[in-house]
Amino acid sequence: MIIADDLKDKWEQLSSIGQPGLMEALSIRITRIDHGCIEASMPVSPAVKQPFGLLHGGASVALAETVSSLGSWMLIDTDHQKAVGLEINANHIRPVRTGSVYATATILHHGSKTHVWQTEIRNDDSELVCISRCTTAILSNH
């Protein structure tokens, strides 16, 4: 994994929570963490396919929200704030049956109360599979 030096402690803090969840269930692997940019991969395994053998749109949305939420978490003061998903949309462009998909989330708006992220999900051939926009709300921990 590639991670910005000044974000390594935050990543360790998050990793120490250690609760299995959707990332583990879908085998999502974070590959890069930087300010305003998160990258991840996800294998197109039976766990993320719909009955017709294609990557499930919901799995793409889960991948997009994962990288967006992580991106917001990396940008906030986690002692006093939390980031939660507020809205997400996705356009499914191309079907995927095998291999892996790769998500790149880029921040479009870094406000004090909301963040807006755009996530591109691509296949092994770098073809666009899904484009998503996610808004996270930045809330007080109190």
C-alpha atoms as a PDB file:
ATOM      1  CA  MET A   1       0.000   0.000   0.000  1.00  0.00           C
ATOM      2  CA  ILE A   2       1.137   3.525  -0.768  1.00  0.00           C
ATOM      3  CA  ILE A   3       0.255   5.981   1.973  1.00  0.00           C
ATOM      4  CA  ALA A   4       1.166   9.625   2.519  1.00  0.00           C
ATOM      5  CA  ASP A   5       3.659   9.854   5.392  1.00  0.00           C
ATOM      6  CA  ASP A   6       1.530  12.223   7.451  1.00  0.00           C
ATOM      7  CA  LEU A   7      -1.510   9.906   7.168  1.00  0.00           C
ATOM      8  CA  LYS A   8       0.204   6.730   8.381  1.00  0.00           C
ATOM      9  CA  ASP A   9      -0.751   7.296  12.031  1.00  0.00           C
ATOM     10  CA  LYS A  10      -4.408   7.831  11.090  1.00  0.00           C
ATOM     11  CA  TRP A  11      -4.380   4.635   9.039  1.00  0.00           C
ATOM     12  CA  GLU A  12      -2.854   2.733  11.977  1.00  0.00           C
ATOM     13  CA  GLN A  13      -5.512   4.194  14.279  1.00  0.00           C
ATOM     14  CA  LEU A  14      -8.286   3.044  11.946  1.00  0.00           C
ATOM     15  CA  SER A  15      -6.689  -0.360  11.420  1.00  0.00           C
ATOM     16  CA  SER A  16      -6.439  -0.914  15.165  1.00  0.00           C
ATOM     17  CA  ILE A  17     -10.226  -0.781  15.475  1.00  0.00           C
ATOM     18  CA  GLY A  18     -10.107  -4.107  13.684  1.00  0.00           C
ATOM     19  CA  GLN A  19     -13.808  -4.813  13.287  1.00  0.00           C
ATOM     20  CA  PRO A  20     -14.531  -7.062  10.324  1.00  0.00           C
ATOM     21  CA  GLY A  21     -17.155  -5.660   8.059  1.00  0.00           C
ATOM     22  CA  LEU A  22     -18.159  -5.107   4.486  1.00  0.00           C
ATOM     23  CA  MET A  23     -14.588  -4.472   3.318  1.00  0.00           C
ATOM     24  CA  GLU A  24     -13.615  -7.919   4.521  1.00  0.00           C
ATOM     25  CA  ALA A  25     -16.771  -9.572   3.158  1.00  0.00           C
ATOM     26  CA  LEU A  26     -16.164  -8.099  -0.310  1.00  0.00           C
ATOM     27  CA  SER A  27     -12.341  -8.501  -0.154  1.00  0.00           C
ATOM     28  CA  ILE A  28     -11.805  -4.770  -0.709  1.00  0.00           C
ATOM     29  CA  ARG A  29      -8.117  -3.898  -0.439  1.00  0.00           C
ATOM     30  CA  ILE A  30      -6.973  -0.307   0.024  1.00  0.00           C
ATOM     31  CA  THR A  31      -3.958   0.301  -2.205  1.00  0.00           C
ATOM     32  CA  ARG A  32      -3.260   4.039  -1.880  1.00  0.00           C
ATOM     33  CA  ILE A  33      -4.105   6.727   0.658  1.00  0.00           C
ATOM     34  CA  ASP A  34      -3.320  10.361  -0.014  1.00  0.00           C
ATOM     35  CA  HIS A  35      -4.914  13.708   0.756  1.00  0.00           C
ATOM     36  CA  GLY A  36      -8.031  13.845  -1.395  1.00  0.00           C
ATOM     37  CA  CYS A  37      -7.349  10.575  -3.247  1.00  0.00           C
ATOM     38  CA  ILE A  38      -7.998   6.970  -2.205  1.00  0.00           C
ATOM     39  CA  GLU A  39      -7.476   3.861  -4.325  1.00  0.00           C
ATOM     40  CA  ALA A  40      -8.673   0.314  -3.740  1.00  0.00           C
ATOM     41  CA  SER A  41      -9.199  -2.973  -5.526  1.00  0.00           C
ATOM     42  CA  MET A  42     -11.857  -5.653  -5.293  1.00  0.00           C
ATOM     43  CA  PRO A  43     -11.857  -9.096  -6.931  1.00  0.00           C
ATOM     44  CA  VAL A  44     -14.896  -9.971  -9.004  1.00  0.00           C
ATOM     45  CA  SER A  45     -15.564 -13.142  -7.026  1.00  0.00           C
ATOM     46  CA  PRO A  46     -18.854 -15.001  -6.561  1.00  0.00           C
ATOM     47  CA  ALA A  47     -19.438 -12.924  -3.402  1.00  0.00           C
ATOM     48  CA  VAL A  48     -19.866  -9.735  -5.462  1.00  0.00           C
ATOM     49  CA  LYS A  49     -21.788 -11.106  -8.456  1.00  0.00           C
ATOM     50  CA  GLN A  50     -25.488 -11.014  -9.212  1.00  0.00           C
ATOM     51  CA  PRO A  51     -27.303 -14.206 -10.320  1.00  0.00           C
ATOM     52  CA  PHE A  52     -26.371 -13.723 -13.990  1.00  0.00           C
ATOM     53  CA  GLY A  53     -22.645 -13.838 -13.247  1.00  0.00           C
ATOM     54  CA  LEU A  54     -21.941 -10.108 -13.519  1.00  0.00           C
ATOM     55  CA  LEU A  55     -20.469  -7.748 -10.947  1.00  0.00           C
ATOM     56  CA  HIS A  56     -23.417  -6.620  -8.810  1.00  0.00           C
ATOM     57  CA  GLY A  57     -24.110  -2.884  -9.004  1.00  0.00           C
ATOM     58  CA  GLY A  58     -24.498  -2.822  -5.240  1.00  0.00           C
ATOM     59  CA  ALA A  59     -20.949  -4.139  -4.831  1.00  0.00           C
ATOM     60  CA  SER A  60     -19.674  -1.291  -7.010  1.00  0.00           C
ATOM     61  CA  VAL A  61     -21.612   1.194  -4.874  1.00  0.00           C
ATOM     62  CA  ALA A  62     -20.220  -0.380  -1.689  1.00  0.00           C
ATOM     63  CA  LEU A  63     -16.703  -0.052  -3.096  1.00  0.00           C
ATOM     64  CA  ALA A  64     -17.327   3.590  -4.040  1.00  0.00           C
ATOM     65  CA  GLU A  65     -18.725   4.482  -0.621  1.00  0.00           C
ATOM     66  CA  THR A  66     -15.861   2.682   1.103  1.00  0.00           C
ATOM     67  CA  VAL A  67     -13.168   4.739  -0.628  1.00  0.00           C
ATOM     68  CA  SER A  68     -15.144   7.986  -0.292  1.00  0.00           C
ATOM     69  CA  SER A  69     -15.816   7.518   3.410  1.00  0.00           C
ATOM     70  CA  LEU A  70     -12.221   6.527   4.066  1.00  0.00           C
ATOM     71  CA  GLY A  71     -11.075   9.602   2.156  1.00  0.00           C
ATOM     72  CA  SER A  72     -13.225  11.874   4.307  1.00  0.00           C
ATOM     73  CA  TRP A  73     -12.077  10.144   7.491  1.00  0.00           C
ATOM     74  CA  MET A  74      -8.465  10.845   6.509  1.00  0.00           C
ATOM     75  CA  LEU A  75      -9.211  14.570   6.103  1.00  0.00           C
ATOM     76  CA  ILE A  76     -11.102  15.289   9.332  1.00  0.00           C
ATOM     77  CA  ASP A  77     -10.126  15.761  12.975  1.00  0.00           C
ATOM     78  CA  THR A  78     -11.277  12.336  14.160  1.00  0.00           C
ATOM     79  CA  ASP A  79     -11.001  13.353  17.831  1.00  0.00           C
ATOM     80  CA  HIS A  80     -13.885  15.782  17.299  1.00  0.00           C
ATOM     81  CA  GLN A  81     -15.563  14.773  14.035  1.00  0.00           C
ATOM     82  CA  LYS A  82     -16.954  11.804  12.167  1.00  0.00           C
ATOM     83  CA  ALA A  83     -17.779  11.328   8.500  1.00  0.00           C
ATOM     84  CA  VAL A  84     -20.957   9.524   7.460  1.00  0.00           C
ATOM     85  CA  GLY A  85     -22.444   8.817   4.060  1.00  0.00           C
ATOM     86  CA  LEU A  86     -25.161  11.302   3.134  1.00  0.00           C
ATOM     87  CA  GLU A  87     -25.873  10.494  -0.521  1.00  0.00           C
ATOM     88  CA  ILE A  88     -24.439   8.287  -3.241  1.00  0.00           C
ATOM     89  CA  ASN A  89     -25.277   7.683  -6.868  1.00  0.00           C
ATOM     90  CA  ALA A  90     -23.703   5.493  -9.493  1.00  0.00           C
ATOM     91  CA  ASN A  91     -23.850   4.924 -13.198  1.00  0.00           C
ATOM     92  CA  HIS A  92     -22.961   1.395 -14.244  1.00  0.00           C
ATOM     93  CA  ILE A  93     -21.208   1.695 -17.600  1.00  0.00           C
ATOM     94  CA  ARG A  94     -19.805  -1.736 -18.456  1.00  0.00           C
ATOM     95  CA  PRO A  95     -20.374  -5.270 -17.130  1.00  0.00           C
ATOM     96  CA  VAL A  96     -17.569  -7.254 -15.513  1.00  0.00           C
ATOM     97  CA  ARG A  97     -17.535 -11.044 -15.177  1.00  0.00           C
ATOM     98  CA  THR A  98     -13.965 -11.864 -14.082  1.00  0.00           C
ATOM     99  CA  GLY A  99     -10.767 -10.344 -12.762  1.00  0.00           C
ATOM    100  CA  SER A 100     -10.757  -7.376 -10.427  1.00  0.00           C
ATOM    101  CA  VAL A 101     -12.023  -3.824 -10.364  1.00  0.00           C
ATOM    102  CA  TYR A 102     -10.062  -0.780  -9.234  1.00  0.00           C
ATOM    103  CA  ALA A 103     -11.550   2.301  -7.596  1.00  0.00           C
ATOM    104  CA  THR A 104     -10.046   5.780  -7.514  1.00  0.00           C
ATOM    105  CA  ALA A 105     -11.878   8.329  -5.358  1.00  0.00           C
ATOM    106  CA  THR A 106     -11.010  12.008  -5.774  1.00  0.00           C
ATOM    107  CA  ILE A 107     -12.390  14.801  -3.650  1.00  0.00           C
ATOM    108  CA  LEU A 108     -14.387  17.421  -5.557  1.00  0.00           C
ATOM    109  CA  HIS A 109     -15.504  19.530  -2.572  1.00  0.00           C
ATOM    110  CA  HIS A 110     -13.758  19.731   0.808  1.00  0.00           C
ATOM    111  CA  GLY A 111     -16.099  21.777   2.972  1.00  0.00           C
ATOM    112  CA  SER A 112     -16.375  22.019   6.725  1.00  0.00           C
ATOM    113  CA  LYS A 113     -19.753  20.200   6.825  1.00  0.00           C
ATOM    114  CA  THR A 114     -19.727  18.126   3.637  1.00  0.00           C
ATOM    115  CA  HIS A 115     -17.273  16.450   1.308  1.00  0.00           C
ATOM    116  CA  VAL A 116     -18.130  15.417  -2.253  1.00  0.00           C
ATOM    117  CA  TRP A 117     -16.158  12.588  -3.866  1.00  0.00           C
ATOM    118  CA  GLN A 118     -16.082  11.210  -7.389  1.00  0.00           C
ATOM    119  CA  THR A 119     -15.108   7.576  -7.774  1.00  0.00           C
ATOM    120  CA  GLU A 120     -14.133   5.901 -11.021  1.00  0.00           C
ATOM    121  CA  ILE A 121     -14.173   2.115 -11.023  1.00  0.00           C
ATOM    122  CA  ARG A 122     -12.225   0.422 -13.816  1.00  0.00           C
ATOM    123  CA  ASN A 123     -11.646  -3.180 -14.906  1.00  0.00           C
ATOM    124  CA  ASP A 124      -8.374  -5.014 -15.557  1.00  0.00           C
ATOM    125  CA  ASP A 125      -8.180  -3.336 -18.981  1.00  0.00           C
ATOM    126  CA  SER A 126      -8.591   0.149 -17.421  1.00  0.00           C
ATOM    127  CA  GLU A 127     -12.047   0.475 -18.991  1.00  0.00           C
ATOM    128  CA  LEU A 128     -14.591   2.509 -17.042  1.00  0.00           C
ATOM    129  CA  VAL A 129     -17.049   0.191 -15.283  1.00  0.00           C
ATOM    130  CA  CYS A 130     -18.832   2.604 -12.951  1.00  0.00           C
ATOM    131  CA  ILE A 131     -18.769   6.282 -12.060  1.00  0.00           C
ATOM    132  CA  SER A 132     -20.086   7.375  -8.695  1.00  0.00           C
ATOM    133  CA  ARG A 133     -20.505  10.541  -6.677  1.00  0.00           C
ATOM    134  CA  CYS A 134     -20.705  10.335  -2.902  1.00  0.00           C
ATOM    135  CA  THR A 135     -21.427  13.086  -0.394  1.00  0.00           C
ATOM    136  CA  THR A 136     -20.261  12.591   3.175  1.00  0.00           C
ATOM    137  CA  ALA A 137     -21.581  14.651   6.063  1.00  0.00           C
ATOM    138  CA  ILE A 138     -18.996  15.865   8.571  1.00  0.00           C
ATOM    139  CA  LEU A 139     -20.558  15.705  12.038  1.00  0.00           C
ATOM    140  CA  SER A 140     -19.429  16.481  15.560  1.00  0.00           C
ATOM    141  CA  ASN A 141     -18.572  13.470  17.741  1.00  0.00           C
ATOM    142  CA  HIS A 142     -20.500  15.047  20.620  1.00  0.00           C
END
